[in-house]
Amino acid sequence: MSLVTLDVVAVLPAGLREQAISCGRKLSELMAQCQHHSQFRLGEPFPGQESGGCEPHVSLFMLCVEDDEVPEVVETVARLAQSCEHSARAVNP
């Protein structure tokens, strides 16, 4: 077995996502002017891959688990996320 690093994230709402991508693009352009070229650009595929993008997000927490534990962790996090969603609705109806 091997260790896998998991990043539990919150995906940004559409408007904030677009702002993050725009800011990232501007920063990338400024870096290029200084001869420091960015390898990753938000909203675009990872370098060398055609699918899977560099998605703007907020990391909630990270952890390392054995690869055979990933399904159980994913199921647990999904259950907790649903619980948080229901709690948020109760606070902000």
Protein backbone atom coordinates (compact mmCIF):
# COMPACT_ATOMS: atom_id res chain seq x y z
CA MET A 1 0.00 0.00 0.00
CA SER A 2 1.05 3.58 -0.47
CA LEU A 3 0.11 6.92 1.02
CA VAL A 4 -2.18 9.24 -0.90
CA THR A 5 -2.55 12.95 -0.14
CA LEU A 6 -6.12 14.21 -0.22
CA ASP A 7 -7.20 17.85 -0.39
CA VAL A 8 -10.75 18.54 0.76
CA VAL A 9 -11.89 21.73 -0.97
CA ALA A 10 -14.75 24.16 -1.39
CA VAL A 11 -15.37 25.07 -5.02
CA LEU A 12 -15.88 28.77 -5.67
CA PRO A 13 -19.21 30.22 -6.88
CA ALA A 14 -19.21 31.15 -10.59
CA GLY A 15 -18.59 34.90 -10.17
CA LEU A 16 -15.76 34.43 -7.69
CA ARG A 17 -14.29 31.66 -9.86
CA GLU A 18 -14.13 34.02 -12.83
CA GLN A 19 -12.48 36.71 -10.68
CA ALA A 20 -9.87 34.23 -9.48
CA ILE A 21 -9.14 33.12 -13.04
CA SER A 22 -8.87 36.75 -14.20
CA CYS A 23 -6.51 37.67 -11.34
CA GLY A 24 -4.44 34.57 -11.99
CA ARG A 25 -4.18 35.44 -15.69
CA LYS A 26 -3.01 38.98 -14.87
CA LEU A 27 -0.44 37.68 -12.38
CA SER A 28 0.80 35.15 -14.93
CA GLU A 29 1.24 37.93 -17.51
CA LEU A 30 3.20 40.06 -15.01
CA MET A 31 5.40 37.09 -14.12
CA ALA A 32 6.10 36.46 -17.82
CA GLN A 33 7.19 40.09 -18.24
CA CYS A 34 9.81 39.36 -15.55
CA GLN A 35 10.89 36.16 -17.34
CA HIS A 36 9.15 33.94 -14.75
CA HIS A 37 6.70 31.87 -16.75
CA SER A 38 3.86 30.18 -14.86
CA GLN A 39 3.37 26.47 -15.47
CA PHE A 40 -0.16 26.40 -14.05
CA ARG A 41 -3.00 28.68 -15.04
CA LEU A 42 -6.32 28.68 -13.23
CA GLY A 43 -9.18 27.43 -15.39
CA GLU A 44 -6.86 25.66 -17.85
CA PRO A 45 -5.75 22.01 -18.02
CA PHE A 46 -2.74 20.90 -16.01
CA PRO A 47 0.44 21.12 -18.11
CA GLY A 48 0.82 18.02 -20.25
CA GLN A 49 -2.80 16.90 -19.77
CA GLU A 50 -5.81 17.50 -21.94
CA SER A 51 -8.41 17.06 -19.21
CA GLY A 52 -8.68 18.14 -15.61
CA GLY A 53 -8.22 21.80 -14.98
CA CYS A 54 -6.40 23.92 -12.45
CA GLU A 55 -9.61 24.75 -10.64
CA PRO A 56 -9.73 27.73 -8.27
CA HIS A 57 -10.75 26.49 -4.82
CA VAL A 58 -10.37 26.95 -1.08
CA SER A 59 -8.65 24.08 0.74
CA LEU A 60 -10.54 23.14 3.90
CA PHE A 61 -8.01 20.55 5.04
CA MET A 62 -5.49 18.04 3.72
CA LEU A 63 -4.62 14.57 4.94
CA CYS A 64 -2.59 11.51 4.01
CA VAL A 65 -4.21 8.08 4.01
CA GLU A 66 -3.40 4.62 2.72
CA ASP A 67 -4.67 4.17 -0.83
CA ASP A 68 -7.16 1.50 0.27
CA GLU A 69 -8.70 4.01 2.74
CA VAL A 70 -9.59 6.59 0.06
CA PRO A 71 -13.15 5.30 -0.64
CA GLU A 72 -14.06 5.39 3.06
CA VAL A 73 -12.62 8.89 3.50
CA VAL A 74 -14.46 10.16 0.41
CA GLU A 75 -17.74 8.68 1.68
CA THR A 76 -17.23 10.22 5.12
CA VAL A 77 -16.37 13.65 3.74
CA ALA A 78 -19.40 13.54 1.41
CA ARG A 79 -21.67 12.69 4.36
CA LEU A 80 -20.16 15.53 6.42
CA ALA A 81 -20.53 17.97 3.53
CA GLN A 82 -24.25 17.13 3.27
CA SER A 83 -24.58 17.71 7.01
CA CYS A 84 -22.86 21.10 6.69
CA GLU A 85 -25.11 22.02 3.77
CA HIS A 86 -28.24 21.25 5.82
CA SER A 87 -26.84 23.24 8.77
CA ALA A 88 -26.11 26.24 6.53
CA ARG A 89 -29.68 26.18 5.20
CA ALA A 90 -31.05 26.17 8.74
CA VAL A 91 -28.93 29.22 9.67
CA ASN A 92 -29.58 31.10 6.39
CA PRO A 93 -33.09 30.07 5.23
